[in-house]
Amino acid sequence: MGAPWQILGKRLVDMSKCSFCSTQIEKATGKMFVENTGKIQWFCSSKCEKNLRKLGRDPRKFKWTKEKS
């Protein structure tokens, strides 16, 4: 695997993964949620946030989510 960053052109962009669908999230986009236990969850969209947090769905059961590696 690689580092949590990628080089795009001449600039260095910090990347993180969505906790539900595993897509790459660019720096300064998406939403970070910190639980009381200290666990950090990143979400690329409100769709992913609602599916994981509010509805408690398993991302492995959806075709539109990427496989966790």
N, C-alpha and C. Protein backbone atom coordinates (compact mmCIF):
# COMPACT_ATOMS: atom_id res chain seq x y z
N MET A 1 0.84 -1.17 0.00
CA MET A 1 0.00 0.00 0.00
C MET A 1 0.88 1.22 0.00
N GLY A 2 0.34 2.37 0.09
CA GLY A 2 1.12 3.59 0.05
C GLY A 2 0.85 4.47 1.25
N ALA A 3 1.45 5.62 1.22
CA ALA A 3 1.24 6.59 2.28
C ALA A 3 -0.16 7.20 2.12
N PRO A 4 -0.67 7.86 3.18
CA PRO A 4 -2.02 8.43 3.09
C PRO A 4 -2.07 9.72 2.28
N TRP A 5 -1.12 9.95 1.43
CA TRP A 5 -1.11 11.14 0.59
C TRP A 5 -0.76 10.77 -0.84
N GLN A 6 -1.07 11.64 -1.73
CA GLN A 6 -0.76 11.44 -3.14
C GLN A 6 -0.19 12.74 -3.70
N ILE A 7 0.60 12.62 -4.74
CA ILE A 7 1.13 13.80 -5.39
C ILE A 7 0.29 14.06 -6.64
N LEU A 8 -0.35 15.22 -6.70
CA LEU A 8 -1.17 15.61 -7.84
C LEU A 8 -0.53 16.84 -8.46
N GLY A 9 0.10 16.67 -9.61
CA GLY A 9 0.79 17.79 -10.24
C GLY A 9 2.03 18.14 -9.41
N LYS A 10 2.11 19.38 -8.98
CA LYS A 10 3.25 19.83 -8.19
C LYS A 10 2.92 19.99 -6.71
N ARG A 11 1.64 19.85 -6.37
CA ARG A 11 1.26 20.06 -4.97
C ARG A 11 1.05 18.73 -4.26
N LEU A 12 1.20 18.74 -2.96
CA LEU A 12 1.03 17.56 -2.13
C LEU A 12 -0.35 17.64 -1.48
N VAL A 13 -1.18 16.62 -1.67
CA VAL A 13 -2.55 16.63 -1.17
C VAL A 13 -2.71 15.50 -0.15
N ASP A 14 -3.16 15.85 1.04
CA ASP A 14 -3.41 14.87 2.09
C ASP A 14 -4.75 14.20 1.82
N MET A 15 -4.78 12.87 1.85
CA MET A 15 -6.00 12.14 1.53
C MET A 15 -6.40 11.26 2.72
N SER A 16 -7.70 11.05 2.87
CA SER A 16 -8.22 10.10 3.84
C SER A 16 -9.31 9.30 3.15
N LYS A 17 -9.75 8.20 3.78
CA LYS A 17 -10.77 7.34 3.19
C LYS A 17 -12.08 7.50 3.93
N CYS A 18 -13.16 7.41 3.17
CA CYS A 18 -14.50 7.43 3.75
C CYS A 18 -14.69 6.16 4.58
N SER A 19 -15.23 6.30 5.77
CA SER A 19 -15.43 5.15 6.66
C SER A 19 -16.49 4.19 6.16
N PHE A 20 -17.36 4.64 5.26
CA PHE A 20 -18.41 3.76 4.74
C PHE A 20 -18.08 3.19 3.37
N CYS A 21 -17.77 4.05 2.39
CA CYS A 21 -17.60 3.56 1.02
C CYS A 21 -16.14 3.44 0.58
N SER A 22 -15.20 3.85 1.40
CA SER A 22 -13.76 3.74 1.15
C SER A 22 -13.24 4.56 -0.03
N THR A 23 -13.96 5.58 -0.45
CA THR A 23 -13.44 6.45 -1.49
C THR A 23 -12.46 7.45 -0.87
N GLN A 24 -11.52 7.92 -1.68
CA GLN A 24 -10.54 8.88 -1.21
C GLN A 24 -11.20 10.24 -1.04
N ILE A 25 -10.87 10.93 0.07
CA ILE A 25 -11.41 12.25 0.36
C ILE A 25 -10.24 13.23 0.37
N GLU A 26 -10.33 14.28 -0.42
CA GLU A 26 -9.28 15.28 -0.45
C GLU A 26 -9.29 16.12 0.82
N LYS A 27 -8.15 16.74 1.10
CA LYS A 27 -8.02 17.61 2.26
C LYS A 27 -9.02 18.75 2.16
N ALA A 28 -9.60 19.13 3.28
CA ALA A 28 -10.58 20.23 3.39
C ALA A 28 -11.92 19.91 2.76
N THR A 29 -12.23 18.62 2.54
CA THR A 29 -13.55 18.23 2.06
C THR A 29 -14.06 17.10 2.95
N GLY A 30 -15.34 16.82 2.86
CA GLY A 30 -15.91 15.74 3.66
C GLY A 30 -16.19 16.17 5.09
N LYS A 31 -16.51 15.20 5.93
CA LYS A 31 -16.83 15.47 7.32
C LYS A 31 -16.12 14.49 8.23
N MET A 32 -15.54 14.99 9.32
CA MET A 32 -14.87 14.15 10.30
C MET A 32 -15.75 14.07 11.54
N PHE A 33 -15.99 12.86 12.04
CA PHE A 33 -16.79 12.66 13.25
C PHE A 33 -15.92 11.94 14.27
N VAL A 34 -15.82 12.51 15.47
CA VAL A 34 -15.02 11.90 16.53
C VAL A 34 -15.97 11.39 17.60
N GLU A 35 -15.92 10.08 17.86
CA GLU A 35 -16.78 9.47 18.88
C GLU A 35 -16.22 9.75 20.27
N ASN A 36 -17.01 9.48 21.30
CA ASN A 36 -16.57 9.66 22.68
C ASN A 36 -15.39 8.77 23.04
N THR A 37 -15.27 7.65 22.33
CA THR A 37 -14.17 6.72 22.59
C THR A 37 -12.86 7.17 21.94
N GLY A 38 -12.93 8.20 21.08
CA GLY A 38 -11.75 8.70 20.40
C GLY A 38 -11.60 8.18 18.98
N LYS A 39 -12.51 7.31 18.55
CA LYS A 39 -12.46 6.77 17.19
C LYS A 39 -12.88 7.86 16.20
N ILE A 40 -12.10 8.02 15.13
CA ILE A 40 -12.37 9.04 14.12
C ILE A 40 -12.97 8.39 12.89
N GLN A 41 -14.07 8.95 12.41
CA GLN A 41 -14.73 8.46 11.21
C GLN A 41 -14.80 9.60 10.21
N TRP A 42 -14.42 9.32 8.95
CA TRP A 42 -14.48 10.28 7.86
C TRP A 42 -15.62 9.91 6.93
N PHE A 43 -16.36 10.91 6.45
CA PHE A 43 -17.46 10.67 5.52
C PHE A 43 -17.33 11.59 4.31
N CYS A 44 -17.50 11.04 3.11
CA CYS A 44 -17.39 11.82 1.88
C CYS A 44 -18.70 12.52 1.56
N SER A 45 -19.82 12.00 2.06
CA SER A 45 -21.13 12.59 1.76
C SER A 45 -22.10 12.31 2.90
N SER A 46 -23.22 13.02 2.88
CA SER A 46 -24.25 12.79 3.90
C SER A 46 -24.88 11.42 3.70
N LYS A 47 -24.87 10.92 2.47
CA LYS A 47 -25.40 9.58 2.17
C LYS A 47 -24.63 8.53 2.96
N CYS A 48 -23.31 8.61 2.94
CA CYS A 48 -22.47 7.64 3.67
C CYS A 48 -22.63 7.80 5.18
N GLU A 49 -22.68 9.05 5.64
CA GLU A 49 -22.83 9.30 7.07
C GLU A 49 -24.15 8.74 7.60
N LYS A 50 -25.24 8.97 6.89
CA LYS A 50 -26.55 8.48 7.33
C LYS A 50 -26.63 6.95 7.31
N ASN A 51 -26.03 6.33 6.26
CA ASN A 51 -26.06 4.88 6.18
C ASN A 51 -25.30 4.22 7.32
N LEU A 52 -24.18 4.79 7.73
CA LEU A 52 -23.38 4.17 8.79
C LEU A 52 -23.86 4.55 10.18
N ARG A 53 -24.03 5.85 10.44
CA ARG A 53 -24.34 6.31 11.79
C ARG A 53 -25.81 6.18 12.15
N LYS A 54 -26.69 6.70 11.32
CA LYS A 54 -28.12 6.73 11.65
C LYS A 54 -28.81 5.39 11.41
N LEU A 55 -28.53 4.77 10.26
CA LEU A 55 -29.22 3.54 9.89
C LEU A 55 -28.46 2.28 10.30
N GLY A 56 -27.18 2.41 10.63
CA GLY A 56 -26.38 1.26 11.08
C GLY A 56 -26.18 0.18 10.04
N ARG A 57 -26.07 0.57 8.78
CA ARG A 57 -25.93 -0.41 7.70
C ARG A 57 -24.49 -0.89 7.55
N ASP A 58 -24.36 -2.10 7.01
CA ASP A 58 -23.06 -2.72 6.77
C ASP A 58 -22.63 -2.41 5.34
N PRO A 59 -21.49 -1.73 5.13
CA PRO A 59 -21.08 -1.37 3.77
C PRO A 59 -20.78 -2.56 2.87
N ARG A 60 -20.51 -3.71 3.43
CA ARG A 60 -20.22 -4.90 2.62
C ARG A 60 -21.45 -5.41 1.87
N LYS A 61 -22.64 -5.00 2.29
CA LYS A 61 -23.88 -5.47 1.66
C LYS A 61 -24.35 -4.59 0.50
N PHE A 62 -23.58 -3.54 0.17
CA PHE A 62 -23.98 -2.62 -0.89
C PHE A 62 -22.99 -2.69 -2.05
N LYS A 63 -23.51 -2.73 -3.27
CA LYS A 63 -22.67 -2.84 -4.45
C LYS A 63 -21.93 -1.54 -4.75
N TRP A 64 -22.47 -0.38 -4.36
CA TRP A 64 -21.86 0.89 -4.70
C TRP A 64 -20.69 1.24 -3.78
N THR A 65 -20.48 0.48 -2.71
CA THR A 65 -19.32 0.74 -1.86
C THR A 65 -18.13 -0.07 -2.35
N LYS A 66 -16.94 0.46 -2.13
CA LYS A 66 -15.73 -0.24 -2.54
C LYS A 66 -15.35 -1.25 -1.49
N GLU A 67 -14.64 -2.28 -1.90
CA GLU A 67 -14.22 -3.32 -0.98
C GLU A 67 -13.11 -2.79 -0.07
N LYS A 68 -13.23 -3.02 1.21
CA LYS A 68 -12.21 -2.59 2.16
C LYS A 68 -10.95 -3.42 1.94
N SER A 69 -9.80 -2.74 1.92
CA SER A 69 -8.55 -3.47 1.73
C SER A 69 -7.71 -3.45 2.99
